[in-house]
Every structure is written in structure tokens, then in C-alpha cells.
Protein backbone atom coordinates (compact mmCIF):
# COMPACT_ATOMS: atom_id res chain seq x y z
CA MET A 1 0.04 -0.30 -0.23
CA THR A 2 1.14 3.45 -0.79
CA VAL A 3 1.91 5.74 1.92
CA GLN A 4 0.40 8.77 2.22
CA THR A 5 2.00 12.60 2.56
CA ALA A 6 0.46 15.60 4.05
CA ILE A 7 1.95 18.82 4.20
CA VAL A 8 1.00 20.81 8.11
CA GLU A 9 0.72 23.40 9.81
CA ALA A 10 0.66 25.85 7.23
CA ARG A 11 -2.92 28.16 6.25
CA ILE A 12 -4.39 26.84 2.78
CA PHE A 13 -6.04 28.87 0.17
CA ASP A 14 -7.60 25.79 -2.34
CA GLY A 15 -8.57 28.31 -5.02
CA GLN A 16 -11.84 29.82 -2.85
CA SER A 17 -11.25 29.50 0.30
CA TRP A 18 -8.61 29.55 3.20
CA HIS A 19 -8.19 26.74 5.66
CA ASP A 20 -7.02 26.63 8.79
CA ASP A 21 -5.63 23.53 11.39
CA HIS A 22 -5.37 21.59 7.84
CA ALA A 23 -3.65 19.22 6.05
CA LEU A 24 -3.14 19.02 2.35
CA LEU A 25 -3.50 15.09 1.52
CA LEU A 26 -0.89 14.13 -0.70
CA ASP A 27 -1.55 11.05 -3.28
CA GLY A 28 1.35 10.48 -5.25
CA ALA A 29 1.03 13.66 -7.93
CA THR A 30 -2.09 14.18 -6.66
CA ILE A 31 -4.24 15.79 -4.24
CA ALA A 32 -6.31 13.20 -2.09
CA GLY A 33 -7.80 16.41 -0.32
CA ILE A 34 -7.56 18.80 2.97
CA LEU A 35 -8.81 17.92 5.74
CA PRO A 36 -8.03 18.73 9.67
CA ARG A 37 -4.66 17.15 10.83
CA LYS A 38 -6.58 15.09 13.31
CA ASN A 39 -8.58 13.84 10.80
CA LEU A 40 -5.43 12.00 8.58
CA PRO A 41 -5.11 8.78 8.15
CA ALA A 42 -3.45 6.34 10.01
CA GLY A 43 0.82 6.12 8.93
CA THR A 44 0.63 9.59 7.17
CA GLU A 45 3.68 10.97 6.26
CA THR A 46 3.72 14.89 7.35
CA ILE A 47 5.86 17.23 6.09
CA ALA A 48 5.77 20.63 8.60
CA ALA A 49 5.50 23.91 6.26
CA ARG A 50 4.60 26.33 9.98
CA ASP A 51 3.17 29.65 9.53
CA GLN A 52 2.87 29.51 5.71
CA LEU A 53 0.72 29.49 3.00
CA LEU A 54 0.02 27.31 0.95
CA VAL A 55 -1.59 28.13 -1.95
CA PRO A 56 -2.66 26.53 -6.31
CA GLY A 57 0.00 26.96 -8.25
CA PHE A 58 0.35 29.97 -10.30
CA ILE A 59 -0.52 29.11 -14.19
CA ASP A 60 1.59 31.41 -17.20
CA LEU A 61 0.41 31.04 -20.35
CA GLN A 62 2.87 34.07 -21.55
CA VAL A 63 6.02 32.97 -21.12
CA ASN A 64 8.84 33.99 -23.73
CA GLY A 65 11.66 32.88 -21.94
CA GLY A 66 14.21 31.85 -19.29
CA GLY A 67 17.10 31.15 -17.28
CA GLY A 68 18.77 33.35 -20.52
CA VAL A 69 16.92 31.34 -23.11
CA MET A 70 14.88 32.64 -24.82
CA LEU A 71 12.11 30.00 -27.19
CA ASN A 72 12.99 31.85 -30.28
CA ASP A 73 16.45 31.46 -30.05
CA ARG A 74 16.29 27.68 -29.34
CA GLN A 75 13.14 25.47 -29.48
CA ASP A 76 14.41 21.64 -27.67
CA ALA A 77 13.28 20.25 -24.86
CA ASP A 78 16.26 21.21 -22.71
CA ALA A 79 15.45 24.99 -23.28
CA ILE A 80 12.08 24.26 -22.42
CA ARG A 81 13.40 22.36 -19.77
CA THR A 82 15.30 25.90 -18.65
CA ILE A 83 12.74 27.98 -19.12
CA CYS A 84 10.59 26.08 -16.83
CA ALA A 85 12.99 25.09 -14.07
CA ALA A 86 14.33 29.10 -14.16
CA HIS A 87 10.43 30.57 -13.22
CA ALA A 88 9.48 27.34 -10.67
CA GLN A 89 11.85 29.65 -8.70
CA PHE A 90 9.03 32.26 -8.55
CA GLY A 91 6.16 29.51 -8.10
CA THR A 92 4.91 29.06 -11.66
CA THR A 93 3.81 25.50 -12.09
CA ALA A 94 2.27 25.24 -15.24
CA LEU A 95 3.41 27.71 -18.18
CA LEU A 96 3.01 27.73 -21.91
CA PRO A 97 6.36 28.63 -23.56
CA THR A 98 5.61 31.66 -26.07
CA LEU A 99 6.99 31.82 -29.43
CA ILE A 100 7.28 35.77 -30.37
CA THR A 101 6.90 36.17 -34.38
CA ASP A 102 9.39 34.20 -36.60
CA THR A 103 9.04 31.89 -39.31
CA PHE A 104 7.75 28.85 -40.22
CA GLU A 105 10.80 26.83 -39.66
CA VAL A 106 11.56 28.13 -36.35
CA ARG A 107 7.46 27.45 -35.73
CA ALA A 108 8.53 23.88 -36.91
CA ARG A 109 11.40 23.44 -34.87
CA THR A 110 9.18 25.01 -32.06
CA ILE A 111 6.10 22.53 -32.68
CA ALA A 112 9.09 19.43 -32.72
CA GLY A 113 10.49 20.44 -29.63
CA GLY A 114 7.96 21.24 -27.72
CA ARG A 115 6.34 17.20 -28.76
CA GLN A 116 9.88 16.28 -27.23
CA ALA A 117 9.29 18.07 -23.79
CA LYS A 118 5.69 16.75 -23.36
CA ALA A 119 7.34 13.06 -24.07
CA GLU A 120 10.19 13.74 -21.22
CA GLY A 121 7.37 15.11 -19.04
CA VAL A 122 9.43 18.30 -18.57
CA PRO A 123 8.15 19.44 -15.26
CA GLY A 124 5.78 22.61 -15.42
CA PHE A 125 5.56 22.41 -19.23
CA LEU A 126 1.85 23.05 -20.06
CA GLY A 127 2.08 23.14 -24.03
CA LEU A 128 3.11 25.97 -26.63
CA HIS A 129 1.69 29.77 -27.32
CA LEU A 130 2.16 30.78 -30.94
CA GLU A 131 1.83 34.77 -30.53
CA GLY A 132 2.33 35.62 -34.18
CA PRO A 133 3.10 35.49 -37.10
CA HIS A 134 -0.58 36.12 -38.26
CA LEU A 135 -0.93 39.40 -36.44
CA SER A 136 -0.84 43.47 -37.31
CA VAL A 137 1.64 45.39 -38.55
CA ALA A 138 0.00 48.52 -37.25
CA ARG A 139 -0.19 47.30 -33.76
CA LYS A 140 3.18 44.83 -33.99
CA GLY A 141 4.57 46.33 -30.47
CA ALA A 142 8.44 44.62 -30.39
CA HIS A 143 7.06 41.71 -33.17
CA ASP A 144 9.38 41.97 -36.50
CA PRO A 145 6.58 43.66 -39.29
CA ALA A 146 9.12 41.76 -41.58
CA LEU A 147 7.90 38.07 -40.27
CA ILE A 148 4.44 39.07 -39.96
CA ARG A 149 2.00 37.88 -42.84
CA PRO A 150 -1.24 35.89 -43.03
CA MET A 151 -2.55 32.87 -42.15
CA ASP A 152 -2.69 30.69 -45.01
CA GLN A 153 -3.35 26.68 -45.60
CA ALA A 154 -0.06 25.24 -44.45
CA ASP A 155 0.17 27.81 -41.20
CA LEU A 156 -3.12 26.67 -40.25
CA ASP A 157 -2.14 23.01 -41.14
CA ALA A 158 0.45 23.21 -38.98
CA MET A 159 -1.03 24.24 -35.87
CA LEU A 160 -3.93 21.64 -36.34
CA ASP A 161 -1.57 19.12 -36.69
CA CYS A 162 -0.69 19.38 -33.05
CA ALA A 163 -3.55 19.87 -31.53
CA ASP A 164 -3.41 17.01 -29.53
CA ALA A 165 0.05 16.71 -28.86
CA PHE A 166 0.04 19.00 -25.63
CA ASP A 167 -2.38 19.32 -22.69
CA ALA A 168 -2.91 23.28 -23.78
CA MET A 169 -2.08 25.10 -26.94
CA MET A 170 -2.82 28.68 -27.49
CA VAL A 171 -2.41 30.79 -30.54
CA THR A 172 -2.11 34.67 -30.78
CA VAL A 173 -3.82 36.12 -34.04
CA ALA A 174 -5.41 39.39 -35.60
CA PRO A 175 -8.04 39.59 -37.64
CA GLU A 176 -6.33 41.63 -39.42
CA ASN A 177 -4.55 38.77 -40.75
CA ALA A 178 -6.49 35.64 -39.59
CA THR A 179 -10.51 35.23 -40.75
CA ALA A 180 -13.18 34.04 -38.38
CA ALA A 181 -13.46 30.52 -40.04
CA GLN A 182 -9.57 30.10 -38.73
CA VAL A 183 -10.27 31.01 -35.94
CA LYS A 184 -13.15 28.89 -35.78
CA ALA A 185 -11.24 25.70 -37.17
CA LEU A 186 -8.56 26.33 -34.57
CA ALA A 187 -11.02 26.75 -31.60
CA ASP A 188 -13.27 23.15 -33.05
CA ALA A 189 -9.80 21.17 -32.62
CA GLY A 190 -9.28 22.10 -28.85
CA ILE A 191 -6.54 24.89 -29.37
CA VAL A 192 -7.50 28.16 -27.12
CA ALA A 193 -7.26 30.92 -29.89
CA SER A 194 -6.52 34.58 -28.38
CA LEU A 195 -6.80 37.88 -30.19
CA GLY A 196 -3.87 40.18 -29.86
CA HIS A 197 -1.72 42.85 -31.86
CA THR A 198 -4.68 43.52 -33.43
CA ASP A 199 -5.90 47.35 -34.14
CA THR A 200 -9.66 45.82 -34.72
CA GLY A 201 -12.61 47.15 -33.48
CA TYR A 202 -15.51 46.05 -31.10
CA GLN A 203 -17.80 44.23 -33.87
CA THR A 204 -15.18 42.20 -35.53
CA VAL A 205 -14.02 40.97 -31.93
CA LEU A 206 -17.54 40.58 -31.50
CA ALA A 207 -17.72 38.03 -34.25
CA TYR A 208 -14.62 36.76 -33.62
CA ALA A 209 -15.44 35.23 -29.96
CA GLN A 210 -18.45 34.34 -31.57
CA ALA A 211 -16.74 31.68 -33.74
CA GLY A 212 -14.80 30.50 -31.04
CA ALA A 213 -11.69 33.27 -30.08
CA ARG A 214 -11.52 32.19 -26.03
CA THR A 215 -9.18 34.90 -24.97
CA VAL A 216 -7.42 38.42 -25.11
CA THR A 217 -3.70 38.63 -25.19
CA HIS A 218 -1.80 41.84 -22.77
CA LEU A 219 -4.88 43.56 -22.14
CA PHE A 220 -4.45 47.47 -23.48
CA ASN A 221 -0.98 46.78 -24.81
CA ALA A 222 -0.82 46.15 -29.04
CA MET A 223 -4.56 46.76 -29.04
CA SER A 224 -6.78 49.74 -30.41
CA PRO A 225 -7.88 51.29 -27.18
CA LEU A 226 -11.16 51.91 -25.87
CA GLY A 227 -12.67 55.04 -27.20
CA HIS A 228 -15.97 56.84 -26.36
CA ARG A 229 -17.38 56.29 -29.85
CA GLU A 230 -15.49 53.10 -30.87
CA PRO A 231 -14.93 50.73 -28.01
CA GLY A 232 -12.31 48.91 -29.33
CA VAL A 233 -10.58 45.62 -28.82
CA VAL A 234 -10.04 47.10 -24.89
CA GLY A 235 -14.66 48.04 -24.49
CA ALA A 236 -14.83 44.70 -26.37
CA ALA A 237 -12.43 42.67 -23.98
CA LEU A 238 -14.06 43.78 -21.26
CA ASP A 239 -17.54 44.07 -22.63
CA ILE A 240 -18.06 40.48 -23.96
CA GLY A 241 -18.35 38.00 -21.01
CA SER A 242 -17.32 34.89 -22.78
CA LEU A 243 -13.66 36.52 -23.37
CA TYR A 244 -10.64 35.68 -20.97
CA ALA A 245 -8.07 38.33 -20.79
CA GLY A 246 -4.56 38.26 -19.88
CA ILE A 247 -2.37 41.20 -18.29
CA ILE A 248 0.79 41.90 -16.95
CA ALA A 249 1.37 43.50 -13.93
CA ASP A 250 4.46 45.43 -14.00
CA GLY A 251 3.48 48.52 -13.40
CA PHE A 252 4.79 49.69 -17.12
CA HIS A 253 2.71 47.95 -19.51
CA VAL A 254 -0.53 49.52 -17.53
CA ASP A 255 -1.31 51.83 -15.20
CA PRO A 256 -2.80 50.17 -11.47
CA VAL A 257 -5.57 52.62 -12.36
CA SER A 258 -6.60 51.66 -15.65
CA MET A 259 -5.89 47.29 -14.08
CA GLY A 260 -8.06 48.23 -11.57
CA ILE A 261 -10.94 50.05 -14.13
CA ALA A 262 -10.85 46.55 -15.87
CA LEU A 263 -11.10 44.83 -13.36
CA ARG A 264 -14.16 46.02 -12.15
CA ALA A 265 -15.74 46.61 -15.34
CA LYS A 266 -15.21 42.92 -16.66
CA ASN A 267 -18.22 41.08 -17.57
CA GLY A 268 -17.77 37.76 -17.09
CA PRO A 269 -18.09 34.96 -16.62
CA GLY A 270 -14.58 35.59 -18.21
CA ARG A 271 -11.76 36.71 -15.76
CA ILE A 272 -9.11 39.11 -15.89
CA PHE A 273 -5.66 37.11 -15.19
CA ILE A 274 -2.14 37.32 -14.75
CA VAL A 275 0.73 36.40 -17.88
CA THR A 276 4.25 37.85 -17.32
CA ASP A 277 5.17 37.91 -20.65
CA ALA A 278 8.76 36.96 -19.80
CA MET A 279 11.41 37.27 -21.35
CA SER A 280 14.69 35.04 -20.72
CA THR A 281 16.02 37.70 -18.00
CA ILE A 282 13.73 36.00 -15.40
CA GLY A 283 16.08 33.64 -13.23
CA SER A 284 19.21 35.10 -14.54
CA ASP A 285 22.14 38.07 -14.35
CA GLN A 286 21.74 39.19 -18.25
CA THR A 287 21.42 42.71 -19.30
CA SER A 288 20.62 42.66 -22.47
CA PHE A 289 19.55 39.80 -25.08
CA PHE A 290 18.80 39.25 -28.80
CA LEU A 291 15.44 38.56 -30.28
CA ASN A 292 15.11 38.23 -34.30
CA GLY A 293 18.28 39.80 -34.73
CA ARG A 294 17.77 42.82 -32.41
CA GLU A 295 18.89 44.10 -28.90
CA ILE A 296 16.72 44.29 -26.11
CA PHE A 297 17.47 46.24 -22.98
CA ARG A 298 17.01 45.38 -19.42
CA LYS A 299 17.13 48.34 -16.94
CA ASP A 300 15.36 49.39 -14.15
CA GLY A 301 12.42 46.57 -14.48
CA ARG A 302 11.55 47.18 -17.98
CA LEU A 303 12.78 45.81 -21.07
CA THR A 304 12.95 47.91 -24.75
CA LEU A 305 14.33 48.15 -28.11
CA ALA A 306 16.74 50.64 -28.33
CA ASP A 307 13.79 53.28 -29.34
CA GLY A 308 12.11 52.60 -26.33
CA THR A 309 9.25 50.00 -27.30
CA LEU A 310 8.23 47.99 -24.80
CA ALA A 311 10.02 44.11 -25.26
CA GLY A 312 8.13 41.46 -23.09
CA ALA A 313 8.44 42.07 -19.53
CA ASP A 314 11.15 41.73 -16.52
CA ILE A 315 8.80 40.26 -14.13
CA ASP A 316 8.17 36.96 -12.59
CA MET A 317 5.02 35.18 -10.80
CA LEU A 318 4.86 35.76 -7.71
CA SER A 319 5.98 39.51 -8.02
CA SER A 320 2.74 39.84 -10.34
CA VAL A 321 0.67 38.74 -7.33
CA ARG A 322 2.52 41.17 -4.99
CA PHE A 323 1.78 43.70 -7.44
CA ALA A 324 -1.44 42.51 -7.70
CA HIS A 325 -2.68 42.72 -3.73
CA GLU A 326 -0.29 45.60 -3.10
CA LYS A 327 -0.15 48.15 -5.69
CA LEU A 328 -4.60 47.58 -6.58
CA ASN A 329 -5.18 47.03 -3.18
CA LEU A 330 -6.94 43.40 -4.66
CA PRO A 331 -7.39 40.88 -1.65
CA LEU A 332 -4.68 38.21 -1.33
CA ASP A 333 -7.10 35.38 -2.46
CA GLU A 334 -8.10 37.53 -5.61
CA ALA A 335 -4.39 38.15 -6.45
CA LEU A 336 -3.92 34.46 -6.45
CA ARG A 337 -7.04 33.56 -8.29
CA MET A 338 -5.44 35.30 -11.02
CA ALA A 339 -2.61 33.55 -10.96
CA SER A 340 -4.17 30.25 -11.07
CA ALA A 341 -7.52 29.55 -11.36
CA TYR A 342 -8.54 31.92 -13.62
CA PRO A 343 -5.59 31.02 -15.81
CA ALA A 344 -6.78 27.44 -15.70
CA ASP A 345 -10.45 28.30 -16.76
CA ALA A 346 -9.27 30.55 -19.31
CA ILE A 347 -7.05 27.59 -20.97
CA GLY A 348 -10.20 24.37 -20.08
CA ILE A 349 -7.68 22.69 -17.96
CA THR A 350 -9.97 23.42 -14.30
CA ALA A 351 -9.97 19.47 -13.89
CA ARG A 352 -6.23 19.16 -13.75
CA LYS A 353 -4.83 22.44 -12.65
CA GLY A 354 -5.60 25.81 -10.88
CA ARG A 355 -7.03 24.91 -7.32
CA LEU A 356 -5.98 22.62 -4.81
CA LEU A 357 -9.05 19.67 -4.95
CA PRO A 358 -9.49 15.90 -4.85
CA GLY A 359 -8.27 14.30 -8.14
CA LEU A 360 -6.00 17.35 -9.33
CA ASP A 361 -2.35 17.67 -9.91
CA ALA A 362 -0.40 18.71 -6.56
CA ASP A 363 0.90 21.59 -7.90
CA PHE A 364 0.89 24.04 -5.57
CA VAL A 365 3.66 26.71 -3.94
CA LEU A 366 4.53 27.40 -0.24
CA LEU A 367 4.92 30.96 0.98
CA THR A 368 6.28 33.19 3.94
CA LYS A 369 3.70 35.24 5.36
CA GLY A 370 5.34 38.18 3.92
CA LEU A 371 4.72 36.59 0.48
CA GLU A 372 8.21 35.89 -0.06
CA MET A 373 9.64 31.67 -1.70
CA ALA A 374 9.90 28.85 0.30
CA SER A 375 9.05 26.14 -2.07
CA THR A 376 7.94 24.85 -5.62
CA TRP A 377 5.95 21.72 -6.07
CA ILE A 378 4.96 20.02 -9.15
CA GLY A 379 3.15 16.85 -9.32
CA GLY A 380 3.14 16.27 -5.59
CA SER A 381 7.68 16.58 -5.50
CA CYS A 382 9.53 19.69 -4.46
CA VAL A 383 11.11 21.09 -7.33
CA PHE A 384 12.49 24.86 -5.71
CA GLN A 385 12.87 24.95 -2.53
CA ALA A 386 14.81 28.49 -1.16
């Protein structure tokens, strides 16, 4: 008989409610339940986490790099392993390594590397996010305009061919370079279609949402703004209840006031969730790196091209949670949901991740009361110890 393990003496947040004087009971790689410590089965091995907070592992749906590695530069399983390990240091237990607009060949190598990472069971690897190349040049951000192009049948086939390869897959497109029929084909195959880097208007977003688009990529950034006569992509993201939206919570990409307004305005059931849009700098001492041949500079918490254009973010998930809690005055449980439950809801993986419920993966984070890292656990195993 397998001996069960329990984490005891921590204050536990299951994704909905807090539990005091309870234990998280693990059954191998899954959660058996949360129960009073006095009710633990005889023979249960215990791990003490005195005065710590035990919370669901963070889920990051937009991660361009980490540990000194950019997915655009290296697409093999070892690169994905490095990225996942770098972010595990900051509480991320599941992530989508994200390929920024690149060539058809680089995308093919990324998909192959993702398949290998899945076969090797890389801890924390959830699937891929392909951000482009089917975007709007008018809202390109740091994406190389020379690589942006319309989606053709070969592009669509390449993505549909790996629809079942991962636990989750996301593709960011703009209506300017991807049709509603193509978005419907992606959605019908189980791929999360996200609208981003687009200058389109409200009615077009509504049509694409009705075709199957499920999320909006980094709300406010690289999209048409909320206007008084044209609500734009921002207005559509907030008004259309079926849409979820990622947001970068670093204080540079979106002003805290605007973030607060968006959180109060969002129609449900879709919610706003945190993404890092992190680059290779996370978990490294890099001061600069290259993307598509262009140097990106790291300074004072910002990543920019030489002309000052923001190029991804230099922030991790735990820092983002702290920002949402401290700068937006959100209750801690809501800030935590934005980093775990809501991204799981957005991509439809709630049967496995996002909360600490019986039968779900034992992915969790132990934090100090001051919201500093203690340890990260993926599938019931400790993968990082502060």
C-alpha cells in the first residue's frame, strides 16, 4: 500500500477558501483532499510548513523565456526545461513557452521541441503559445514587421496537426491576418485562439468571439484602445462575457489605475488573469539579449528596444501577485486566483490544475507570510526550495 503524504501546519488556500488547522493530503502526484490534521489516515507521513501559506501553483500562459534562454533562439526540449525551471523558482508550476513572431521553420522546430518536452515529462511544461506571426503590423509592438504575414492553409495545418500533442495550446492572432473561419477551425480542434496585436474594432472582436476566440492577449497592450465612439479591442475584451484576458502586472505595461478600472468593469464569466510575458532575463543576470536580431535592453525593471518600445516584461509570477495585492489593493485570495484559477479556466484545464481539489494535480507553492518564496511543488514533488 502506498504511504500518503500530508503538508501540515500551513494556512491553506484551495483556490476559493482559506483553511486553518488543516492538512493537504497528497496521493502521489495528485491531491487526495484537504482535511483537519486530526483526521489524517493512520501512517500518513507529514511535512511541516509552519507559519507558511500553501496556495495553488501559478499558471503562466505567456512565457517567452527564462534562465537566459529565449524560445525564439532555442526550441529544443532542454531549452524548454531551462525556461520551466527558471520560472518554478517564482512559484510557476505550469506554463506555456511562447514563440514570438518568427519563420515557419522556427515554428516547426518549436512544435517538435514541445513534443519532445511532453514526451520527456518536463516539469511545468503545459504546452505552447504561438504569438504570431499572423498579427497586425499597425500593432506590432516588439514583433518584427518583416516576419508578420497572413495565415495560409499550411500555417493552419501545422497548428491543427499538433492540436492533441499538449495539455494546452494557445495561438495569438489578429483579425487583420487571420479569418474568423480559421479561428473557428483552431477552436474546434481544442486550440485556444487569442486575439492580440490588433487594431480592429468591437464588432469584429465580437464576430471572432462568436467564431470561437476565447482570450485576449495582454490587455491594453498592442491593441485598439477604449474610445467613446469605438470601444476597440479593450472595450470588447471587457464587455464580451465569454472572453478572458491576460494582463501584465508590472506597472510599466499598464497603469495600476487602468488595471483597477478593467478589473471592476469586466463582464463575466470570463475573467482577467495574470501573465508575465517574461523574457530570458527571469532567473538570470542578463543585462541585454537579442530577439530576431534586435538587441533588447534590461534596465530598472523594464525591457525595451533601442527606441524605447517595450519588449516583453522583466517580472515573475510571484512578483506579479504581490503587485496585484499591494498596488491594486486586491484581496490576496483574488490576486492568487488571477495567477492560478483564472488562467486554468481560460484554457479549460480545470479538471487538472488551478485549484487544490481532490483528484487534481498536486501543484502548489509554499510562501512566507510576507509573500516570499519557500518552495514550489509540481506533481507532488518539490522542484524548488528557497
